[in-house]
C-alpha atoms as a PDB file:
ATOM      1  CA  MET A   1      16.101 -27.876  -5.510  1.00  0.00           C
ATOM      2  CA  ASP A   2      14.753 -26.221  -8.664  1.00  0.00           C
ATOM      3  CA  VAL A   3      15.108 -22.699  -7.226  1.00  0.00           C
ATOM      4  CA  ASP A   4      16.223 -21.126  -3.960  1.00  0.00           C
ATOM      5  CA  VAL A   5      13.038 -19.161  -3.275  1.00  0.00           C
ATOM      6  CA  VAL A   6       9.470 -19.150  -4.600  1.00  0.00           C
ATOM      7  CA  ILE A   7       7.571 -15.896  -4.046  1.00  0.00           C
ATOM      8  CA  VAL A   8       3.812 -16.196  -4.433  1.00  0.00           C
ATOM      9  CA  GLY A   9       2.221 -12.987  -5.694  1.00  0.00           C
ATOM     10  CA  ALA A  10       3.548 -10.458  -8.230  1.00  0.00           C
ATOM     11  CA  GLY A  11       2.229  -7.319  -6.612  1.00  0.00           C
ATOM     12  CA  ALA A  12       4.381  -4.506  -5.248  1.00  0.00           C
ATOM     13  CA  VAL A  13       5.385  -6.480  -2.140  1.00  0.00           C
ATOM     14  CA  GLY A  14       6.109  -9.755  -3.929  1.00  0.00           C
ATOM     15  CA  LEU A  15       8.143  -8.058  -6.640  1.00  0.00           C
ATOM     16  CA  ALA A  16      10.097  -6.000  -4.085  1.00  0.00           C
ATOM     17  CA  VAL A  17      10.906  -9.170  -2.114  1.00  0.00           C
ATOM     18  CA  ALA A  18      11.938 -10.953  -5.314  1.00  0.00           C
ATOM     19  CA  ALA A  19      14.119  -8.054  -6.476  1.00  0.00           C
ATOM     20  CA  SER A  20      15.886  -7.862  -3.106  1.00  0.00           C
ATOM     21  CA  LEU A  21      16.565 -11.604  -3.017  1.00  0.00           C
ATOM     22  CA  ALA A  22      17.699 -11.702  -6.655  1.00  0.00           C
ATOM     23  CA  ARG A  23      19.969  -8.719  -6.048  1.00  0.00           C
ATOM     24  CA  ASN A  24      21.579 -10.705  -3.237  1.00  0.00           C
ATOM     25  CA  GLY A  25      22.322 -13.740  -5.362  1.00  0.00           C
ATOM     26  CA  LYS A  26      19.264 -15.917  -4.778  1.00  0.00           C
ATOM     27  CA  ASP A  27      17.676 -17.897  -7.596  1.00  0.00           C
ATOM     28  CA  VAL A  28      14.067 -16.710  -7.420  1.00  0.00           C
ATOM     29  CA  LEU A  29      10.789 -17.554  -9.126  1.00  0.00           C
ATOM     30  CA  VAL A  30       7.630 -15.462  -8.696  1.00  0.00           C
ATOM     31  CA  LEU A  31       4.330 -17.315  -9.192  1.00  0.00           C
ATOM     32  CA  GLU A  32       1.345 -15.104 -10.088  1.00  0.00           C
ATOM     33  CA  ALA A  33      -2.214 -16.383 -10.543  1.00  0.00           C
ATOM     34  CA  ALA A  34      -3.299 -13.483 -12.782  1.00  0.00           C
ATOM     35  CA  SER A  35      -2.306 -12.780 -16.370  1.00  0.00           C
ATOM     36  CA  ALA A  36      -0.203  -9.702 -15.472  1.00  0.00           C
ATOM     37  CA  ILE A  37       1.743  -8.253 -12.575  1.00  0.00           C
ATOM     38  CA  GLY A  38       0.132  -5.934 -10.053  1.00  0.00           C
ATOM     39  CA  THR A  39      -3.543  -6.524 -10.806  1.00  0.00           C
ATOM     40  CA  GLY A  40      -4.709  -6.992  -7.192  1.00  0.00           C
ATOM     41  CA  THR A  41      -4.470  -4.534  -4.309  1.00  0.00           C
ATOM     42  CA  SER A  42      -1.344  -3.035  -5.892  1.00  0.00           C
ATOM     43  CA  ALA A  43      -3.608  -1.678  -8.649  1.00  0.00           C
ATOM     44  CA  ARG A  44      -6.216  -0.341  -6.200  1.00  0.00           C
ATOM     45  CA  ASN A  45      -4.704   2.273  -3.902  1.00  0.00           C
ATOM     46  CA  SER A  46      -3.993   5.988  -3.600  1.00  0.00           C
ATOM     47  CA  GLU A  47      -0.363   5.567  -4.762  1.00  0.00           C
ATOM     48  CA  VAL A  48       0.671   7.610  -1.719  1.00  0.00           C
ATOM     49  CA  ILE A  49       4.147   7.380  -0.183  1.00  0.00           C
ATOM     50  CA  HIS A  50       3.422   7.698   3.540  1.00  0.00           C
ATOM     51  CA  ALA A  51       5.808   9.466   5.904  1.00  0.00           C
ATOM     52  CA  GLY A  52       5.158   7.294   8.990  1.00  0.00           C
ATOM     53  CA  MET A  53       3.520   9.490  11.605  1.00  0.00           C
ATOM     54  CA  TYR A  54       0.328   7.486  12.160  1.00  0.00           C
ATOM     55  CA  TYR A  55       1.753   4.296  13.669  1.00  0.00           C
ATOM     56  CA  PRO A  56       2.567   3.354  17.291  1.00  0.00           C
ATOM     57  CA  THR A  57       6.196   4.143  18.049  1.00  0.00           C
ATOM     58  CA  GLY A  58       8.388   1.054  17.859  1.00  0.00           C
ATOM     59  CA  SER A  59       5.837  -0.999  15.925  1.00  0.00           C
ATOM     60  CA  LEU A  60       6.773  -2.769  12.701  1.00  0.00           C
ATOM     61  CA  LYS A  61       4.444  -0.400  10.812  1.00  0.00           C
ATOM     62  CA  HIS A  62       6.349   2.580  12.205  1.00  0.00           C
ATOM     63  CA  ARG A  63       9.837   1.230  11.577  1.00  0.00           C
ATOM     64  CA  LEU A  64       9.142  -0.232   8.142  1.00  0.00           C
ATOM     65  CA  CYS A  65       7.173   2.790   6.924  1.00  0.00           C
ATOM     66  CA  VAL A  66       9.875   5.322   7.839  1.00  0.00           C
ATOM     67  CA  ALA A  67      12.811   3.202   6.639  1.00  0.00           C
ATOM     68  CA  GLY A  68      10.867   2.047   3.580  1.00  0.00           C
ATOM     69  CA  ARG A  69       9.848   5.577   2.591  1.00  0.00           C
ATOM     70  CA  ARG A  70      13.438   6.786   2.708  1.00  0.00           C
ATOM     71  CA  ALA A  71      14.636   3.779   0.717  1.00  0.00           C
ATOM     72  CA  LEU A  72      11.762   4.113  -1.749  1.00  0.00           C
ATOM     73  CA  TYR A  73      12.527   7.739  -2.625  1.00  0.00           C
ATOM     74  CA  ALA A  74      16.172   6.799  -3.226  1.00  0.00           C
ATOM     75  CA  TYR A  75      15.118   3.857  -5.432  1.00  0.00           C
ATOM     76  CA  LEU A  76      12.664   5.958  -7.433  1.00  0.00           C
ATOM     77  CA  GLN A  77      15.306   8.607  -8.103  1.00  0.00           C
ATOM     78  CA  GLN A  78      17.953   6.051  -9.001  1.00  0.00           C
ATOM     79  CA  ARG A  79      15.641   4.197 -11.425  1.00  0.00           C
ATOM     80  CA  HIS A  80      13.981   7.369 -12.820  1.00  0.00           C
ATOM     81  CA  ILE A  81      10.485   6.225 -11.830  1.00  0.00           C
ATOM     82  CA  ALA A  82       7.771   8.880 -11.926  1.00  0.00           C
ATOM     83  CA  HIS A  83       6.978  10.291  -8.488  1.00  0.00           C
ATOM     84  CA  ALA A  84       6.478  13.619  -6.713  1.00  0.00           C
ATOM     85  CA  LYS A  85       7.111  14.718  -3.138  1.00  0.00           C
ATOM     86  CA  THR A  86       3.904  16.733  -2.946  1.00  0.00           C
ATOM     87  CA  GLY A  87       3.656  16.954   0.818  1.00  0.00           C
ATOM     88  CA  LYS A  88       0.452  16.516   2.803  1.00  0.00           C
ATOM     89  CA  LEU A  89      -1.713  18.624   5.080  1.00  0.00           C
ATOM     90  CA  ILE A  90      -3.633  16.760   7.800  1.00  0.00           C
ATOM     91  CA  VAL A  91      -6.400  19.145   8.770  1.00  0.00           C
ATOM     92  CA  ALA A  92      -8.610  19.671  11.794  1.00  0.00           C
ATOM     93  CA  THR A  93     -11.975  21.232  10.959  1.00  0.00           C
ATOM     94  CA  SER A  94     -13.087  21.699  14.576  1.00  0.00           C
ATOM     95  CA  ASP A  95     -11.493  22.382  17.931  1.00  0.00           C
ATOM     96  CA  ALA A  96     -12.196  18.751  18.910  1.00  0.00           C
ATOM     97  CA  GLU A  97     -10.037  17.521  16.019  1.00  0.00           C
ATOM     98  CA  VAL A  98      -7.061  19.740  16.901  1.00  0.00           C
ATOM     99  CA  ALA A  99      -6.093  17.330  19.689  1.00  0.00           C
ATOM    100  CA  LYS A 100      -6.065  14.485  17.138  1.00  0.00           C
ATOM    101  CA  ILE A 101      -3.576  16.178  14.829  1.00  0.00           C
ATOM    102  CA  GLU A 102      -1.467  17.287  17.810  1.00  0.00           C
ATOM    103  CA  ALA A 103      -1.275  13.619  18.846  1.00  0.00           C
ATOM    104  CA  ILE A 104      -0.250  12.661  15.291  1.00  0.00           C
ATOM    105  CA  HIS A 105       2.444  15.354  15.410  1.00  0.00           C
ATOM    106  CA  ALA A 106       3.786  13.991  18.704  1.00  0.00           C
ATOM    107  CA  ALA A 107       3.782  10.430  17.341  1.00  0.00           C
ATOM    108  CA  GLY A 108       5.549  11.595  14.177  1.00  0.00           C
ATOM    109  CA  LEU A 109       8.302  13.272  16.179  1.00  0.00           C
ATOM    110  CA  ALA A 110       8.731  10.111  18.269  1.00  0.00           C
ATOM    111  CA  ASN A 111       8.856   8.096  15.029  1.00  0.00           C
ATOM    112  CA  ASP A 112      11.662  10.271  13.615  1.00  0.00           C
ATOM    113  CA  VAL A 113       9.532  11.610  10.759  1.00  0.00           C
ATOM    114  CA  GLU A 114      11.327  14.612   9.344  1.00  0.00           C
ATOM    115  CA  SER A 115      10.114  18.239   9.150  1.00  0.00           C
ATOM    116  CA  LEU A 116       6.602  17.897  10.596  1.00  0.00           C
ATOM    117  CA  VAL A 117       5.135  21.320  11.428  1.00  0.00           C
ATOM    118  CA  LEU A 118       1.889  22.305  13.169  1.00  0.00           C
ATOM    119  CA  LEU A 119       0.190  25.182  11.351  1.00  0.00           C
ATOM    120  CA  SER A 120      -2.512  27.649  12.287  1.00  0.00           C
ATOM    121  CA  ALA A 121      -5.578  27.976  10.058  1.00  0.00           C
ATOM    122  CA  SER A 122      -4.158  31.089   8.394  1.00  0.00           C
ATOM    123  CA  GLU A 123      -0.783  29.432   7.775  1.00  0.00           C
ATOM    124  CA  ALA A 124      -2.480  26.426   6.179  1.00  0.00           C
ATOM    125  CA  ARG A 125      -4.698  28.627   4.009  1.00  0.00           C
ATOM    126  CA  ALA A 126      -1.649  30.564   2.862  1.00  0.00           C
ATOM    127  CA  MET A 127      -0.420  27.274   1.377  1.00  0.00           C
ATOM    128  CA  GLU A 128      -3.833  26.128   0.082  1.00  0.00           C
ATOM    129  CA  PRO A 129      -6.336  29.017  -0.240  1.00  0.00           C
ATOM    130  CA  ALA A 130      -9.314  26.691  -0.919  1.00  0.00           C
ATOM    131  CA  LEU A 131      -8.806  24.890   2.391  1.00  0.00           C
ATOM    132  CA  ASN A 132     -11.234  25.046   5.306  1.00  0.00           C
ATOM    133  CA  CYS A 133      -9.611  24.176   8.638  1.00  0.00           C
ATOM    134  CA  THR A 134      -9.060  25.129  12.257  1.00  0.00           C
ATOM    135  CA  ALA A 135      -5.427  23.940  12.261  1.00  0.00           C
ATOM    136  CA  ALA A 136      -3.250  21.594  10.212  1.00  0.00           C
ATOM    137  CA  LEU A 137      -0.191  19.370  10.351  1.00  0.00           C
ATOM    138  CA  TRP A 138       2.251  19.763   7.435  1.00  0.00           C
ATOM    139  CA  SER A 139       4.138  16.641   6.306  1.00  0.00           C
ATOM    140  CA  PRO A 140       6.576  17.577   3.519  1.00  0.00           C
ATOM    141  CA  GLU A 141       7.933  14.010   3.187  1.00  0.00           C
ATOM    142  CA  THR A 142       4.621  12.559   1.938  1.00  0.00           C
ATOM    143  CA  GLY A 143       4.426  11.978  -1.816  1.00  0.00           C
ATOM    144  CA  ILE A 144       2.898  10.028  -4.688  1.00  0.00           C
ATOM    145  CA  VAL A 145       4.318   7.412  -7.045  1.00  0.00           C
ATOM    146  CA  ASP A 146       3.432   5.715 -10.316  1.00  0.00           C
ATOM    147  CA  ALA A 147       2.738   2.330  -8.734  1.00  0.00           C
ATOM    148  CA  HIS A 148       2.745   0.408 -12.006  1.00  0.00           C
ATOM    149  CA  GLY A 149       5.977   2.067 -13.132  1.00  0.00           C
ATOM    150  CA  TYR A 150       7.500   1.056  -9.807  1.00  0.00           C
ATOM    151  CA  MET A 151       6.417  -2.562 -10.267  1.00  0.00           C
ATOM    152  CA  LEU A 152       7.735  -2.673 -13.835  1.00  0.00           C
ATOM    153  CA  ALA A 153      11.125  -1.506 -12.540  1.00  0.00           C
ATOM    154  CA  LEU A 154      11.092  -4.254  -9.901  1.00  0.00           C
ATOM    155  CA  GLN A 155      10.158  -6.846 -12.531  1.00  0.00           C
ATOM    156  CA  GLY A 156      13.054  -5.676 -14.691  1.00  0.00           C
ATOM    157  CA  GLU A 157      15.439  -5.969 -11.754  1.00  0.00           C
ATOM    158  CA  VAL A 158      14.254  -9.497 -10.950  1.00  0.00           C
ATOM    159  CA  GLU A 159      14.804 -10.592 -14.543  1.00  0.00           C
ATOM    160  CA  ASP A 160      18.121  -8.729 -14.881  1.00  0.00           C
ATOM    161  CA  HIS A 161      19.438 -10.780 -11.956  1.00  0.00           C
ATOM    162  CA  GLY A 162      18.315 -14.100 -13.408  1.00  0.00           C
ATOM    163  CA  GLY A 163      14.960 -14.444 -11.679  1.00  0.00           C
ATOM    164  CA  ALA A 164      11.696 -15.244 -13.447  1.00  0.00           C
ATOM    165  CA  ILE A 165       8.001 -14.425 -13.153  1.00  0.00           C
ATOM    166  CA  ALA A 166       5.449 -17.090 -14.115  1.00  0.00           C
ATOM    167  CA  LEU A 167       1.992 -15.678 -14.845  1.00  0.00           C
ATOM    168  CA  LEU A 168      -1.253 -17.703 -14.807  1.00  0.00           C
ATOM    169  CA  SER A 169       0.363 -19.928 -12.173  1.00  0.00           C
ATOM    170  CA  PRO A 170      -1.907 -20.238  -9.123  1.00  0.00           C
ATOM    171  CA  VAL A 171      -0.511 -22.299  -6.250  1.00  0.00           C
ATOM    172  CA  THR A 172      -2.777 -25.242  -5.450  1.00  0.00           C
ATOM    173  CA  ARG A 173      -0.728 -27.035  -2.792  1.00  0.00           C
ATOM    174  CA  VAL A 174       2.556 -26.725  -0.890  1.00  0.00           C
ATOM    175  CA  GLU A 175       4.281 -29.819   0.513  1.00  0.00           C
ATOM    176  CA  GLN A 176       6.906 -29.646   3.234  1.00  0.00           C
ATOM    177  CA  LEU A 177       9.752 -31.954   2.213  1.00  0.00           C
ATOM    178  CA  ALA A 178      11.237 -34.326   4.781  1.00  0.00           C
ATOM    179  CA  SER A 179      14.723 -33.278   3.693  1.00  0.00           C
ATOM    180  CA  GLY A 180      13.925 -29.600   4.152  1.00  0.00           C
ATOM    181  CA  GLY A 181      12.315 -27.107   1.814  1.00  0.00           C
ATOM    182  CA  PHE A 182       9.023 -27.283  -0.060  1.00  0.00           C
ATOM    183  CA  ARG A 183       7.423 -28.635  -3.207  1.00  0.00           C
ATOM    184  CA  VAL A 184       5.090 -26.033  -4.712  1.00  0.00           C
ATOM    185  CA  HIS A 185       2.278 -27.271  -6.953  1.00  0.00           C
ATOM    186  CA  THR A 186       0.464 -25.347  -9.693  1.00  0.00           C
ATOM    187  CA  PRO A 187      -2.096 -26.841 -12.112  1.00  0.00           C
ATOM    188  CA  ASP A 188       0.687 -27.513 -14.633  1.00  0.00           C
ATOM    189  CA  SER A 189       3.818 -28.233 -12.617  1.00  0.00           C
ATOM    190  CA  ALA A 190       5.534 -28.884  -9.306  1.00  0.00           C
ATOM    191  CA  LEU A 191       8.911 -27.555  -8.238  1.00  0.00           C
ATOM    192  CA  ALA A 192      11.113 -27.790  -5.194  1.00  0.00           C
ATOM    193  CA  CYS A 193      12.472 -24.737  -3.366  1.00  0.00           C
ATOM    194  CA  ARG A 194      14.360 -24.012  -0.170  1.00  0.00           C
ATOM    195  CA  GLN A 195      12.040 -21.204   0.929  1.00  0.00           C
ATOM    196  CA  ILE A 196       8.583 -19.876   0.046  1.00  0.00           C
ATOM    197  CA  VAL A 197       7.411 -16.309   0.645  1.00  0.00           C
ATOM    198  CA  ASN A 198       3.673 -15.632   0.861  1.00  0.00           C
ATOM    199  CA  CYS A 199       2.925 -12.284  -0.821  1.00  0.00           C
ATOM    200  CA  ALA A 200      -0.520 -13.253  -2.069  1.00  0.00           C
ATOM    201  CA  GLY A 201      -2.327 -10.160  -0.802  1.00  0.00           C
ATOM    202  CA  LEU A 202      -6.031 -10.814  -0.217  1.00  0.00           C
ATOM    203  CA  TYR A 203      -5.330 -14.490  -0.938  1.00  0.00           C
ATOM    204  CA  ALA A 204      -2.529 -14.842   1.638  1.00  0.00           C
ATOM    205  CA  GLN A 205      -4.719 -16.744   4.099  1.00  0.00           C
ATOM    206  CA  ARG A 206      -5.948 -19.074   1.365  1.00  0.00           C
ATOM    207  CA  LEU A 207      -2.372 -19.794   0.318  1.00  0.00           C
ATOM    208  CA  ALA A 208      -1.291 -20.354   3.931  1.00  0.00           C
ATOM    209  CA  SER A 209      -4.077 -22.907   4.367  1.00  0.00           C
ATOM    210  CA  ARG A 210      -2.626 -24.853   1.411  1.00  0.00           C
ATOM    211  CA  ILE A 211       0.767 -25.294   3.088  1.00  0.00           C
ATOM    212  CA  GLU A 212       0.669 -28.812   4.480  1.00  0.00           C
ATOM    213  CA  GLY A 213       1.644 -29.006   8.136  1.00  0.00           C
ATOM    214  CA  LEU A 214       1.033 -25.313   8.876  1.00  0.00           C
ATOM    215  CA  ALA A 215      -1.163 -25.097  11.954  1.00  0.00           C
ATOM    216  CA  PRO A 216      -4.335 -22.989  11.552  1.00  0.00           C
ATOM    217  CA  ALA A 217      -3.254 -20.993  14.622  1.00  0.00           C
ATOM    218  CA  HIS A 218      -0.556 -19.413  12.445  1.00  0.00           C
ATOM    219  CA  ILE A 219      -3.076 -18.091   9.897  1.00  0.00           C
ATOM    220  CA  PRO A 220      -4.552 -14.709  10.858  1.00  0.00           C
ATOM    221  CA  LYS A 221      -8.280 -14.148  10.540  1.00  0.00           C
ATOM    222  CA  LEU A 222      -9.262 -12.459   7.266  1.00  0.00           C
ATOM    223  CA  THR A 223     -11.446  -9.360   7.532  1.00  0.00           C
ATOM    224  CA  LEU A 224     -12.121  -7.382   4.365  1.00  0.00           C
ATOM    225  CA  ALA A 225     -12.722  -3.648   4.030  1.00  0.00           C
ATOM    226  CA  LYS A 226     -13.350  -1.948   0.712  1.00  0.00           C
ATOM    227  CA  GLY A 227     -12.282   1.607  -0.014  1.00  0.00           C
ATOM    228  CA  ASN A 228     -14.347   3.570  -2.537  1.00  0.00           C
ATOM    229  CA  TYR A 229     -13.051   6.488  -4.610  1.00  0.00           C
ATOM    230  CA  PHE A 230     -14.617   9.305  -6.600  1.00  0.00           C
ATOM    231  CA  SER A 231     -12.754  11.341  -9.194  1.00  0.00           C
ATOM    232  CA  CYS A 232     -13.140  15.095  -9.606  1.00  0.00           C
ATOM    233  CA  ALA A 233     -14.099  16.474 -13.021  1.00  0.00           C
ATOM    234  CA  ALA A 234     -13.444  20.084 -12.012  1.00  0.00           C
ATOM    235  CA  LYS A 235     -10.110  21.885 -12.198  1.00  0.00           C
ATOM    236  CA  PRO A 236      -7.939  20.915  -9.185  1.00  0.00           C
ATOM    237  CA  VAL A 237      -7.949  23.451  -6.365  1.00  0.00           C
ATOM    238  CA  PHE A 238      -5.153  21.842  -4.315  1.00  0.00           C
ATOM    239  CA  SER A 239      -1.496  21.220  -5.133  1.00  0.00           C
ATOM    240  CA  ARG A 240      -0.870  19.066  -2.044  1.00  0.00           C
ATOM    241  CA  LEU A 241      -2.559  16.019  -0.527  1.00  0.00           C
ATOM    242  CA  ILE A 242      -5.287  16.945   1.980  1.00  0.00           C
ATOM    243  CA  TYR A 243      -6.206  14.489   4.747  1.00  0.00           C
ATOM    244  CA  PRO A 244      -8.757  14.908   7.547  1.00  0.00           C
ATOM    245  CA  ALA A 245      -8.148  13.872  11.124  1.00  0.00           C
ATOM    246  CA  PRO A 246      -8.283  10.032  11.151  1.00  0.00           C
ATOM    247  CA  VAL A 247     -11.533   8.103  11.611  1.00  0.00           C
ATOM    248  CA  ASP A 248     -12.089   4.626  13.065  1.00  0.00           C
ATOM    249  CA  GLY A 249     -10.714   2.013  10.660  1.00  0.00           C
ATOM    250  CA  GLY A 250      -9.029   4.427   8.269  1.00  0.00           C
ATOM    251  CA  LEU A 251      -7.584   7.841   7.543  1.00  0.00           C
ATOM    252  CA  GLY A 252     -10.861   9.397   6.420  1.00  0.00           C
ATOM    253  CA  VAL A 253     -11.922  10.546   2.959  1.00  0.00           C
ATOM    254  CA  HIS A 254      -8.996  12.539   1.644  1.00  0.00           C
ATOM    255  CA  VAL A 255      -7.883  14.406  -1.432  1.00  0.00           C
ATOM    256  CA  THR A 256      -5.115  12.774  -3.410  1.00  0.00           C
ATOM    257  CA  LEU A 257      -3.503  13.846  -6.653  1.00  0.00           C
ATOM    258  CA  ASP A 258      -2.154  11.840  -9.535  1.00  0.00           C
ATOM    259  CA  LEU A 259       1.073  12.711 -11.295  1.00  0.00           C
ATOM    260  CA  ALA A 260      -0.902  14.807 -13.819  1.00  0.00           C
ATOM    261  CA  GLY A 261      -2.271  16.909 -10.946  1.00  0.00           C
ATOM    262  CA  ARG A 262      -5.849  15.566 -11.173  1.00  0.00           C
ATOM    263  CA  MET A 263      -7.794  15.261  -7.916  1.00  0.00           C
ATOM    264  CA  LYS A 264      -9.582  12.206  -6.583  1.00  0.00           C
ATOM    265  CA  PHE A 265     -11.356  11.601  -3.283  1.00  0.00           C
ATOM    266  CA  GLY A 266     -11.192   8.552  -1.036  1.00  0.00           C
ATOM    267  CA  PRO A 267     -11.000   5.980   0.170  1.00  0.00           C
ATOM    268  CA  ASP A 268     -13.793   5.617   2.658  1.00  0.00           C
ATOM    269  CA  VAL A 269     -14.119   2.417   4.714  1.00  0.00           C
ATOM    270  CA  GLU A 270     -16.808  -0.114   3.769  1.00  0.00           C
ATOM    271  CA  TRP A 271     -16.586  -3.264   5.883  1.00  0.00           C
ATOM    272  CA  LEU A 272     -17.553  -6.408   3.951  1.00  0.00           C
ATOM    273  CA  ALA A 273     -19.473  -9.325   5.449  1.00  0.00           C
ATOM    274  CA  ASP A 274     -18.063 -11.824   2.946  1.00  0.00           C
ATOM    275  CA  THR A 275     -14.469 -12.987   3.466  1.00  0.00           C
ATOM    276  CA  ASN A 276     -14.109 -14.476  -0.025  1.00  0.00           C
ATOM    277  CA  PRO A 277     -11.813 -12.219  -2.115  1.00  0.00           C
ATOM    278  CA  ASP A 278     -13.370 -13.647  -5.307  1.00  0.00           C
ATOM    279  CA  ALA A 279     -16.767 -12.298  -4.265  1.00  0.00           C
ATOM    280  CA  ILE A 280     -15.701  -8.645  -3.908  1.00  0.00           C
ATOM    281  CA  ASP A 281     -17.740  -6.233  -6.026  1.00  0.00           C
ATOM    282  CA  TYR A 282     -15.351  -3.417  -6.936  1.00  0.00           C
ATOM    283  CA  THR A 283     -18.026  -1.159  -8.428  1.00  0.00           C
ATOM    284  CA  VAL A 284     -18.736   2.043  -6.504  1.00  0.00           C
ATOM    285  CA  ALA A 285     -22.354   2.662  -5.520  1.00  0.00           C
ATOM    286  CA  PRO A 286     -23.354   6.171  -6.713  1.00  0.00           C
ATOM    287  CA  ARG A 287     -25.362   6.694  -3.502  1.00  0.00           C
ATOM    288  CA  ARG A 288     -22.065   6.950  -1.581  1.00  0.00           C
ATOM    289  CA  ALA A 289     -21.450  10.282  -3.306  1.00  0.00           C
ATOM    290  CA  ASP A 290     -23.629  12.067  -0.728  1.00  0.00           C
ATOM    291  CA  ALA A 291     -21.349  11.079   2.165  1.00  0.00           C
ATOM    292  CA  PHE A 292     -18.283  11.913   0.083  1.00  0.00           C
ATOM    293  CA  TYR A 293     -19.698  15.327  -0.762  1.00  0.00           C
ATOM    294  CA  ALA A 294     -20.295  16.128   2.904  1.00  0.00           C
ATOM    295  CA  ALA A 295     -16.792  14.992   3.885  1.00  0.00           C
ATOM    296  CA  ILE A 296     -15.149  16.937   1.053  1.00  0.00           C
ATOM    297  CA  ARG A 297     -17.068  20.138   1.827  1.00  0.00           C
ATOM    298  CA  ARG A 298     -16.107  19.812   5.498  1.00  0.00           C
END
């Protein structure tokens, strides 16, 4: 074998997997199709550290979010990576939405999410005077992180432990070897490994289909949704993240902050008919501003 493990994809997940394996003595190689780390979905998100109250109790999302959030804060502090535990208010703007945030509160308690508190409208406005709400759920464990700084730290850890990251190295084919393990092909090379980890993000299904002998039944259907964002040119009026009661398919248009305190709004949910990740148009249509404006005012 040339290496113990090949990880495909140098986003946040792939780099975290590689760092963990390298830390535990594995010889790892990360193959990345792009010219830099973290240029896919890891570069297009709210950079929010979620507390774990939204997910069904006992699900992998619940268990990994809560355990991962605790481990992530410890890692960020240990490695001096920029982050802030801003906290988050999930707000109900009508009596009908109060039941939604009460259900989120109950799920959060069942999921062992720390320090969740239901607030009245006046209590919430005492924290954020610009807020309009009927009631709110306060999550002090929610925060934000410099996603690229986090990935650079993971890359450094991989390399410090003898691992390597190969950029401009798309995987074209994966053979299963009769003696066990795999031979991974790129346009320029082929190497043998004991294990392969698929962290290819939007291209995970495409990569899975290139693993010879893997039955199509093991490849989940790909459905794409695009989240649009708008920035705010005005002076920020909130010091915490503000989320509405959830909507179908997402968490609703919310207010997030960057580490400089600037506000941005989003994402919404725009379902895409095309399932080709290469065909995604990442530009934001200005006409969507009307719906954003209504959601933000509400």
